[in-house]
PDB file of N, CA and C in Angstrom:
ATOM      1  N   MET A   1      -5.058   7.593 -26.175  1.00  0.00           N
ATOM      2  CA  MET A   1      -5.224   8.218 -25.329  1.00  0.00           C
ATOM      3  C   MET A   1      -4.950   7.748 -23.581  1.00  0.00           C
ATOM      4  N   LEU A   2      -5.408   6.246 -23.930  1.00  0.00           N
ATOM      5  CA  LEU A   2      -5.247   5.415 -22.556  1.00  0.00           C
ATOM      6  C   LEU A   2      -3.579   4.945 -22.411  1.00  0.00           C
ATOM      7  N   HIS A   3      -2.732   5.611 -23.452  1.00  0.00           N
ATOM      8  CA  HIS A   3      -1.153   5.410 -23.274  1.00  0.00           C
ATOM      9  C   HIS A   3      -0.850   6.716 -22.659  1.00  0.00           C
ATOM     10  N   LYS A   4      -1.818   7.310 -22.264  1.00  0.00           N
ATOM     11  CA  LYS A   4      -1.222   8.764 -21.572  1.00  0.00           C
ATOM     12  C   LYS A   4      -1.795   8.698 -20.160  1.00  0.00           C
ATOM     13  N   ILE A   5      -2.792   7.697 -19.948  1.00  0.00           N
ATOM     14  CA  ILE A   5      -3.510   7.700 -18.429  1.00  0.00           C
ATOM     15  C   ILE A   5      -2.725   6.766 -17.882  1.00  0.00           C
ATOM     16  N   PHE A   6      -2.043   5.584 -18.331  1.00  0.00           N
ATOM     17  CA  PHE A   6      -1.335   4.549 -17.649  1.00  0.00           C
ATOM     18  C   PHE A   6       0.192   4.846 -18.179  1.00  0.00           C
ATOM     19  N   ALA A   7       0.486   5.956 -18.639  1.00  0.00           N
ATOM     20  CA  ALA A   7       2.100   6.099 -18.754  1.00  0.00           C
ATOM     21  C   ALA A   7       2.561   6.165 -17.359  1.00  0.00           C
ATOM     22  N   ARG A   8       3.742   5.599 -17.212  1.00  0.00           N
ATOM     23  CA  ARG A   8       4.647   5.572 -15.876  1.00  0.00           C
ATOM     24  C   ARG A   8       4.937   6.938 -15.218  1.00  0.00           C
ATOM     25  N   GLY A   9       4.175   7.039 -14.311  1.00  0.00           N
ATOM     26  CA  GLY A   9       4.107   8.030 -12.859  1.00  0.00           C
ATOM     27  C   GLY A   9       3.816   8.138 -11.969  1.00  0.00           C
ATOM     28  N   ASP A  10       4.298   8.632 -11.045  1.00  0.00           N
ATOM     29  CA  ASP A  10       3.769   8.743  -9.920  1.00  0.00           C
ATOM     30  C   ASP A  10       1.998   9.092  -9.402  1.00  0.00           C
ATOM     31  N   TRP A  11       1.475   8.176  -8.747  1.00  0.00           N
ATOM     32  CA  TRP A  11      -0.008   9.097  -8.938  1.00  0.00           C
ATOM     33  C   TRP A  11       0.104   8.829  -6.935  1.00  0.00           C
ATOM     34  N   PHE A  12       0.490   8.222  -6.364  1.00  0.00           N
ATOM     35  CA  PHE A  12       0.549   8.591  -4.827  1.00  0.00           C
ATOM     36  C   PHE A  12       1.927   8.993  -4.435  1.00  0.00           C
ATOM     37  N   ALA A  13       1.751  10.177  -3.319  1.00  0.00           N
ATOM     38  CA  ALA A  13       3.075  10.460  -2.570  1.00  0.00           C
ATOM     39  C   ALA A  13       3.407   9.245  -1.684  1.00  0.00           C
ATOM     40  N   PRO A  14       4.425   9.193  -1.374  1.00  0.00           N
ATOM     41  CA  PRO A  14       4.702   7.906  -0.231  1.00  0.00           C
ATOM     42  C   PRO A  14       4.590   8.514   0.935  1.00  0.00           C
ATOM     43  N   ARG A  15       4.411   7.884   2.209  1.00  0.00           N
ATOM     44  CA  ARG A  15       3.974   8.325   3.608  1.00  0.00           C
ATOM     45  C   ARG A  15       5.321   8.594   4.002  1.00  0.00           C
ATOM     46  N   ARG A  16       5.442   9.587   4.869  1.00  0.00           N
ATOM     47  CA  ARG A  16       6.436  10.329   5.737  1.00  0.00           C
ATOM     48  C   ARG A  16       6.791   9.217   6.946  1.00  0.00           C
ATOM     49  N   TYR A  17       5.811   8.626   7.589  1.00  0.00           N
ATOM     50  CA  TYR A  17       6.169   7.473   8.585  1.00  0.00           C
ATOM     51  C   TYR A  17       5.586   6.383   8.267  1.00  0.00           C
ATOM     52  N   GLY A  18       5.747   5.019   8.435  1.00  0.00           N
ATOM     53  CA  GLY A  18       5.144   4.084   8.454  1.00  0.00           C
ATOM     54  C   GLY A  18       5.465   3.396   7.013  1.00  0.00           C
ATOM     55  N   TYR A  19       3.960   2.475   6.296  1.00  0.00           N
ATOM     56  CA  TYR A  19       4.323   2.100   5.459  1.00  0.00           C
ATOM     57  C   TYR A  19       3.394   2.187   4.578  1.00  0.00           C
ATOM     58  N   GLY A  20       3.627   2.080   3.569  1.00  0.00           N
ATOM     59  CA  GLY A  20       2.253   2.510   2.376  1.00  0.00           C
ATOM     60  C   GLY A  20       2.471   3.898   1.602  1.00  0.00           C
ATOM     61  N   ALA A  21       1.336   4.174   0.989  1.00  0.00           N
ATOM     62  CA  ALA A  21       1.281   5.233   0.709  1.00  0.00           C
ATOM     63  C   ALA A  21       0.401   6.420   1.230  1.00  0.00           C
ATOM     64  N   GLY A  22       0.534   7.611   0.401  1.00  0.00           N
ATOM     65  CA  GLY A  22      -0.093   8.861   1.102  1.00  0.00           C
ATOM     66  C   GLY A  22      -0.946   9.452   0.569  1.00  0.00           C
ATOM     67  N   LEU A  23      -1.634  10.617   0.062  1.00  0.00           N
ATOM     68  CA  LEU A  23      -2.221  10.930  -0.485  1.00  0.00           C
ATOM     69  C   LEU A  23      -1.768  11.092  -1.829  1.00  0.00           C
ATOM     70  N   PRO A  24      -3.050  11.057  -2.988  1.00  0.00           N
ATOM     71  CA  PRO A  24      -2.834  11.021  -4.322  1.00  0.00           C
ATOM     72  C   PRO A  24      -2.196  12.551  -4.599  1.00  0.00           C
ATOM     73  N   ILE A  25      -0.978  12.332  -5.703  1.00  0.00           N
ATOM     74  CA  ILE A  25      -0.126  13.779  -6.366  1.00  0.00           C
ATOM     75  C   ILE A  25      -0.834  13.598  -7.825  1.00  0.00           C
ATOM     76  N   ALA A  26      -1.556  12.842  -8.221  1.00  0.00           N
ATOM     77  CA  ALA A  26      -1.893  13.514  -9.489  1.00  0.00           C
ATOM     78  C   ALA A  26      -3.482  12.806  -9.670  1.00  0.00           C
ATOM     79  N   TRP A  27      -4.187  13.312 -10.917  1.00  0.00           N
ATOM     80  CA  TRP A  27      -5.613  13.222 -10.964  1.00  0.00           C
ATOM     81  C   TRP A  27      -5.769  11.542 -11.154  1.00  0.00           C
ATOM     82  N   GLN A  28      -4.807  10.933 -11.841  1.00  0.00           N
ATOM     83  CA  GLN A  28      -5.280   9.416 -11.312  1.00  0.00           C
ATOM     84  C   GLN A  28      -5.040   8.796 -10.604  1.00  0.00           C
ATOM     85  N   GLY A  29      -4.265   9.313  -9.578  1.00  0.00           N
ATOM     86  CA  GLY A  29      -4.932   8.534  -7.854  1.00  0.00           C
ATOM     87  C   GLY A  29      -5.800   8.852  -7.530  1.00  0.00           C
ATOM     88  N   TRP A  30      -6.184  10.319  -7.439  1.00  0.00           N
ATOM     89  CA  TRP A  30      -7.410  10.957  -7.240  1.00  0.00           C
ATOM     90  C   TRP A  30      -9.113   9.939  -8.072  1.00  0.00           C
ATOM     91  N   MET A  31      -9.287   9.679  -9.281  1.00  0.00           N
ATOM     92  CA  MET A  31     -10.041   8.870  -9.570  1.00  0.00           C
ATOM     93  C   MET A  31      -9.877   7.795  -9.436  1.00  0.00           C
ATOM     94  N   LEU A  32      -8.665   7.073  -8.625  1.00  0.00           N
ATOM     95  CA  LEU A  32      -8.415   5.584  -8.838  1.00  0.00           C
ATOM     96  C   LEU A  32      -8.921   5.516  -6.941  1.00  0.00           C
ATOM     97  N   LEU A  33      -9.027   6.654  -6.180  1.00  0.00           N
ATOM     98  CA  LEU A  33      -9.325   6.439  -4.927  1.00  0.00           C
ATOM     99  C   LEU A  33     -10.793   7.053  -4.743  1.00  0.00           C
ATOM    100  N   ALA A  34     -11.370   7.846  -5.768  1.00  0.00           N
ATOM    101  CA  ALA A  34     -12.908   8.045  -5.977  1.00  0.00           C
ATOM    102  C   ALA A  34     -13.702   6.819  -6.202  1.00  0.00           C
ATOM    103  N   SER A  35     -12.947   6.198  -7.700  1.00  0.00           N
ATOM    104  CA  SER A  35     -13.562   4.471  -7.741  1.00  0.00           C
ATOM    105  C   SER A  35     -13.479   3.613  -7.185  1.00  0.00           C
ATOM    106  N   TYR A  36     -12.290   3.593  -5.721  1.00  0.00           N
ATOM    107  CA  TYR A  36     -12.456   2.740  -4.869  1.00  0.00           C
ATOM    108  C   TYR A  36     -13.647   3.063  -3.421  1.00  0.00           C
ATOM    109  N   VAL A  37     -14.085   4.335  -3.640  1.00  0.00           N
ATOM    110  CA  VAL A  37     -15.037   4.750  -2.585  1.00  0.00           C
ATOM    111  C   VAL A  37     -16.105   4.488  -2.791  1.00  0.00           C
ATOM    112  N   ALA A  38     -16.437   4.516  -4.297  1.00  0.00           N
ATOM    113  CA  ALA A  38     -17.924   4.276  -5.225  1.00  0.00           C
ATOM    114  C   ALA A  38     -18.001   2.982  -4.697  1.00  0.00           C
ATOM    115  N   ALA A  39     -16.966   2.323  -5.338  1.00  0.00           N
ATOM    116  CA  ALA A  39     -17.644   0.813  -5.155  1.00  0.00           C
ATOM    117  C   ALA A  39     -17.453   0.189  -4.108  1.00  0.00           C
ATOM    118  N   LEU A  40     -16.948   0.696  -2.541  1.00  0.00           N
ATOM    119  CA  LEU A  40     -17.051   0.497  -1.808  1.00  0.00           C
ATOM    120  C   LEU A  40     -18.792   0.807  -1.161  1.00  0.00           C
ATOM    121  N   GLY A  41     -19.175   2.131  -1.842  1.00  0.00           N
ATOM    122  CA  GLY A  41     -20.745   2.287  -1.554  1.00  0.00           C
ATOM    123  C   GLY A  41     -21.416   1.374  -2.015  1.00  0.00           C
ATOM    124  N   GLY A  42     -21.057   0.704  -3.454  1.00  0.00           N
ATOM    125  CA  GLY A  42     -22.038  -0.228  -3.906  1.00  0.00           C
ATOM    126  C   GLY A  42     -21.960  -1.293  -3.254  1.00  0.00           C
ATOM    127  N   ILE A  43     -20.837  -1.852  -2.824  1.00  0.00           N
ATOM    128  CA  ILE A  43     -20.817  -3.182  -2.314  1.00  0.00           C
ATOM    129  C   ILE A  43     -21.431  -3.194  -1.061  1.00  0.00           C
ATOM    130  N   GLY A  44     -21.394  -2.007   0.040  1.00  0.00           N
ATOM    131  CA  GLY A  44     -22.094  -1.761   0.837  1.00  0.00           C
ATOM    132  C   GLY A  44     -23.981  -1.989   0.976  1.00  0.00           C
ATOM    133  N   LEU A  45     -24.303  -1.170  -0.142  1.00  0.00           N
ATOM    134  CA  LEU A  45     -25.647  -1.576  -0.750  1.00  0.00           C
ATOM    135  C   LEU A  45     -26.012  -2.534  -0.947  1.00  0.00           C
ATOM    136  N   LEU A  46     -25.483  -3.316  -1.371  1.00  0.00           N
ATOM    137  CA  LEU A  46     -25.486  -4.677  -2.165  1.00  0.00           C
ATOM    138  C   LEU A  46     -25.247  -5.781  -0.818  1.00  0.00           C
ATOM    139  N   ASP A  47     -24.824  -5.420   0.350  1.00  0.00           N
ATOM    140  CA  ASP A  47     -24.483  -6.155   1.697  1.00  0.00           C
ATOM    141  C   ASP A  47     -25.976  -5.613   2.644  1.00  0.00           C
ATOM    142  N   ARG A  48     -26.459  -4.869   2.222  1.00  0.00           N
ATOM    143  CA  ARG A  48     -27.377  -4.474   3.218  1.00  0.00           C
ATOM    144  C   ARG A  48     -28.810  -4.944   2.996  1.00  0.00           C
ATOM    145  N   THR A  49     -29.016  -5.062   1.576  1.00  0.00           N
ATOM    146  CA  THR A  49     -30.108  -5.129   0.866  1.00  0.00           C
ATOM    147  C   THR A  49     -30.485  -6.547   0.423  1.00  0.00           C
ATOM    148  N   GLY A  50     -29.648  -7.779   0.410  1.00  0.00           N
ATOM    149  CA  GLY A  50     -29.575  -8.781  -0.178  1.00  0.00           C
ATOM    150  C   GLY A  50     -29.381  -9.830   0.779  1.00  0.00           C
ATOM    151  N   GLY A  51     -29.584 -11.004   0.072  1.00  0.00           N
ATOM    152  CA  GLY A  51     -30.117 -12.304   1.361  1.00  0.00           C
ATOM    153  C   GLY A  51     -28.484 -12.583   1.589  1.00  0.00           C
ATOM    154  N   VAL A  52     -28.399 -14.231   2.088  1.00  0.00           N
ATOM    155  CA  VAL A  52     -27.254 -14.489   2.769  1.00  0.00           C
ATOM    156  C   VAL A  52     -26.092 -14.641   1.350  1.00  0.00           C
ATOM    157  N   ALA A  53     -26.633 -15.196   0.078  1.00  0.00           N
ATOM    158  CA  ALA A  53     -25.450 -14.661  -1.075  1.00  0.00           C
ATOM    159  C   ALA A  53     -25.019 -14.019  -1.752  1.00  0.00           C
ATOM    160  N   ALA A  54     -26.100 -12.778  -1.604  1.00  0.00           N
ATOM    161  CA  ALA A  54     -25.761 -11.317  -1.466  1.00  0.00           C
ATOM    162  C   ALA A  54     -24.600 -10.725  -0.609  1.00  0.00           C
ATOM    163  N   ARG A  55     -24.855 -11.186   0.470  1.00  0.00           N
ATOM    164  CA  ARG A  55     -23.586 -11.122   1.582  1.00  0.00           C
ATOM    165  C   ARG A  55     -22.192 -11.431   1.034  1.00  0.00           C
ATOM    166  N   ALA A  56     -22.310 -12.563   0.707  1.00  0.00           N
ATOM    167  CA  ALA A  56     -21.107 -13.791   0.634  1.00  0.00           C
ATOM    168  C   ALA A  56     -20.596 -12.706  -0.873  1.00  0.00           C
ATOM    169  N   GLY A  57     -21.405 -12.530  -1.678  1.00  0.00           N
ATOM    170  CA  GLY A  57     -20.643 -12.214  -2.980  1.00  0.00           C
ATOM    171  C   GLY A  57     -20.197 -10.737  -2.870  1.00  0.00           C
ATOM    172  N   ALA A  58     -21.182  -9.760  -1.798  1.00  0.00           N
ATOM    173  CA  ALA A  58     -20.246  -8.556  -1.202  1.00  0.00           C
ATOM    174  C   ALA A  58     -18.922  -8.668  -0.050  1.00  0.00           C
ATOM    175  N   PHE A  59     -18.955  -9.700   0.256  1.00  0.00           N
ATOM    176  CA  PHE A  59     -17.597 -10.036   0.563  1.00  0.00           C
ATOM    177  C   PHE A  59     -16.451 -10.256   0.126  1.00  0.00           C
ATOM    178  N   ALA A  60     -17.059 -11.131  -1.485  1.00  0.00           N
ATOM    179  CA  ALA A  60     -15.598 -11.476  -2.195  1.00  0.00           C
ATOM    180  C   ALA A  60     -15.902 -10.174  -3.108  1.00  0.00           C
ATOM    181  N   LEU A  61     -16.688  -9.628  -3.101  1.00  0.00           N
ATOM    182  CA  LEU A  61     -16.351  -7.938  -4.413  1.00  0.00           C
ATOM    183  C   LEU A  61     -15.318  -7.133  -3.411  1.00  0.00           C
ATOM    184  N   PHE A  62     -15.842  -7.143  -1.877  1.00  0.00           N
ATOM    185  CA  PHE A  62     -14.700  -6.184  -1.555  1.00  0.00           C
ATOM    186  C   PHE A  62     -13.419  -6.679  -1.385  1.00  0.00           C
ATOM    187  N   VAL A  63     -13.123  -8.465  -1.196  1.00  0.00           N
ATOM    188  CA  VAL A  63     -11.622  -8.259  -1.296  1.00  0.00           C
ATOM    189  C   VAL A  63     -11.096  -7.780  -2.022  1.00  0.00           C
ATOM    190  N   LEU A  64     -11.851  -8.708  -3.521  1.00  0.00           N
ATOM    191  CA  LEU A  64     -11.046  -7.893  -4.948  1.00  0.00           C
ATOM    192  C   LEU A  64     -10.763  -6.961  -4.671  1.00  0.00           C
ATOM    193  N   VAL A  65     -11.869  -6.275  -4.811  1.00  0.00           N
ATOM    194  CA  VAL A  65     -11.867  -4.013  -5.286  1.00  0.00           C
ATOM    195  C   VAL A  65     -10.769  -4.151  -4.128  1.00  0.00           C
ATOM    196  N   THR A  66     -10.402  -4.625  -2.823  1.00  0.00           N
ATOM    197  CA  THR A  66      -9.630  -3.665  -2.175  1.00  0.00           C
ATOM    198  C   THR A  66      -8.090  -4.241  -2.710  1.00  0.00           C
ATOM    199  N   SER A  67      -7.888  -5.584  -2.876  1.00  0.00           N
ATOM    200  CA  SER A  67      -6.773  -6.259  -3.474  1.00  0.00           C
ATOM    201  C   SER A  67      -6.449  -5.607  -4.533  1.00  0.00           C
ATOM    202  N   LEU A  68      -6.861  -5.254  -5.599  1.00  0.00           N
ATOM    203  CA  LEU A  68      -6.630  -4.071  -6.832  1.00  0.00           C
ATOM    204  C   LEU A  68      -6.328  -2.772  -6.621  1.00  0.00           C
ATOM    205  N   PHE A  69      -6.861  -2.555  -5.338  1.00  0.00           N
ATOM    206  CA  PHE A  69      -6.573  -0.996  -4.811  1.00  0.00           C
ATOM    207  C   PHE A  69      -5.469  -0.510  -4.566  1.00  0.00           C
ATOM    208  N   ILE A  70      -4.878  -1.827  -3.925  1.00  0.00           N
ATOM    209  CA  ILE A  70      -4.036  -1.845  -3.004  1.00  0.00           C
ATOM    210  C   ILE A  70      -2.704  -1.771  -3.849  1.00  0.00           C
ATOM    211  N   ALA A  71      -2.953  -3.013  -4.867  1.00  0.00           N
ATOM    212  CA  ALA A  71      -1.847  -3.411  -5.643  1.00  0.00           C
ATOM    213  C   ALA A  71      -1.768  -2.001  -6.941  1.00  0.00           C
ATOM    214  N   VAL A  72      -2.878  -1.208  -7.018  1.00  0.00           N
ATOM    215  CA  VAL A  72      -2.144  -0.175  -8.189  1.00  0.00           C
ATOM    216  C   VAL A  72      -1.454   0.476  -7.032  1.00  0.00           C
ATOM    217  N   ALA A  73      -2.489   1.014  -6.020  1.00  0.00           N
ATOM    218  CA  ALA A  73      -1.862   2.474  -5.445  1.00  0.00           C
ATOM    219  C   ALA A  73      -0.181   2.062  -5.112  1.00  0.00           C
ATOM    220  N   ALA A  74       0.335   0.469  -4.709  1.00  0.00           N
ATOM    221  CA  ALA A  74       1.799   0.498  -4.407  1.00  0.00           C
ATOM    222  C   ALA A  74       2.346   0.765  -5.799  1.00  0.00           C
ATOM    223  N   ARG A  75       2.042   0.013  -6.375  1.00  0.00           N
ATOM    224  CA  ARG A  75       2.956   0.296  -7.953  1.00  0.00           C
ATOM    225  C   ARG A  75       3.011   1.907  -8.483  1.00  0.00           C
ATOM    226  N   ARG A  76       2.161   2.442  -8.046  1.00  0.00           N
ATOM    227  CA  ARG A  76       2.115   3.938  -8.542  1.00  0.00           C
ATOM    228  C   ARG A  76       2.402   4.994  -7.545  1.00  0.00           C
ATOM    229  N   THR A  77       3.148   4.320  -6.234  1.00  0.00           N
ATOM    230  CA  THR A  77       3.675   5.058  -5.252  1.00  0.00           C
ATOM    231  C   THR A  77       4.814   5.855  -5.249  1.00  0.00           C
ATOM    232  N   ARG A  78       5.455   6.938  -5.644  1.00  0.00           N
ATOM    233  CA  ARG A  78       6.869   7.168  -5.705  1.00  0.00           C
ATOM    234  C   ARG A  78       7.767   6.655  -4.918  1.00  0.00           C
ATOM    235  N   GLY A  79       8.812   5.814  -5.030  1.00  0.00           N
ATOM    236  CA  GLY A  79       9.654   5.263  -4.531  1.00  0.00           C
ATOM    237  C   GLY A  79       9.112   3.864  -3.999  1.00  0.00           C
ATOM    238  N   GLY A  80       8.064   3.691  -4.501  1.00  0.00           N
ATOM    239  CA  GLY A  80       7.522   2.090  -3.826  1.00  0.00           C
ATOM    240  C   GLY A  80       6.800   2.373  -2.120  1.00  0.00           C
ATOM    241  N   TRP A  81       6.508   1.285  -1.765  1.00  0.00           N
ATOM    242  CA  TRP A  81       5.844   0.997  -0.508  1.00  0.00           C
ATOM    243  C   TRP A  81       7.016   0.498   0.448  1.00  0.00           C
ATOM    244  N   LYS A  82       7.530   1.005   1.615  1.00  0.00           N
ATOM    245  CA  LYS A  82       8.499   0.454   2.310  1.00  0.00           C
ATOM    246  C   LYS A  82       8.355   1.459   3.615  1.00  0.00           C
ATOM    247  N   TRP A  83       8.939   0.657   4.695  1.00  0.00           N
ATOM    248  CA  TRP A  83       8.839   1.377   5.642  1.00  0.00           C
ATOM    249  C   TRP A  83       9.663   2.846   5.831  1.00  0.00           C
ATOM    250  N   ARG A  84       9.116   3.582   6.404  1.00  0.00           N
ATOM    251  CA  ARG A  84      10.026   5.094   6.194  1.00  0.00           C
ATOM    252  C   ARG A  84       9.672   5.543   7.635  1.00  0.00           C
ATOM    253  N   TRP A  85      11.028   6.282   8.432  1.00  0.00           N
ATOM    254  CA  TRP A  85      11.099   6.585   9.385  1.00  0.00           C
ATOM    255  C   TRP A  85      11.103   7.845   9.602  1.00  0.00           C
ATOM    256  N   GLY A  86      10.654   8.810   8.458  1.00  0.00           N
ATOM    257  CA  GLY A  86      10.453  10.458   8.538  1.00  0.00           C
ATOM    258  C   GLY A  86      11.801  11.031   7.787  1.00  0.00           C
ATOM    259  N   ASP A  87      11.881  11.896   7.831  1.00  0.00           N
ATOM    260  CA  ASP A  87      12.594  12.948   6.576  1.00  0.00           C
ATOM    261  C   ASP A  87      13.867  12.502   7.454  1.00  0.00           C
ATOM    262  N   GLU A  88      14.954  11.735   6.565  1.00  0.00           N
ATOM    263  CA  GLU A  88      16.067  11.418   6.879  1.00  0.00           C
ATOM    264  C   GLU A  88      17.041  12.949   6.718  1.00  0.00           C
ATOM    265  N   ARG A  89      17.437  13.416   7.908  1.00  0.00           N
ATOM    266  CA  ARG A  89      18.298  15.048   8.180  1.00  0.00           C
ATOM    267  C   ARG A  89      19.678  14.884   8.692  1.00  0.00           C
TER     268      ARG A  89
END
């Protein structure tokens, strides 16, 4: 079953202008985005309720989770991440 989830396919549409990905176009992209938002919520709770060590850990988790999200989104964006100037007509 996991081979179907991670089969090569596009999860995000490219942005029309600028650099990066647009909205998700597959359920896997929406799940990745929802998981990222949920992880940020948990990290925010850890940051607010913990002491100094917990805040440092929350920052480290934020950097890790964001880096992973960006890496997967960049790999699964149709056409990859590159600068786009809009529709070429």
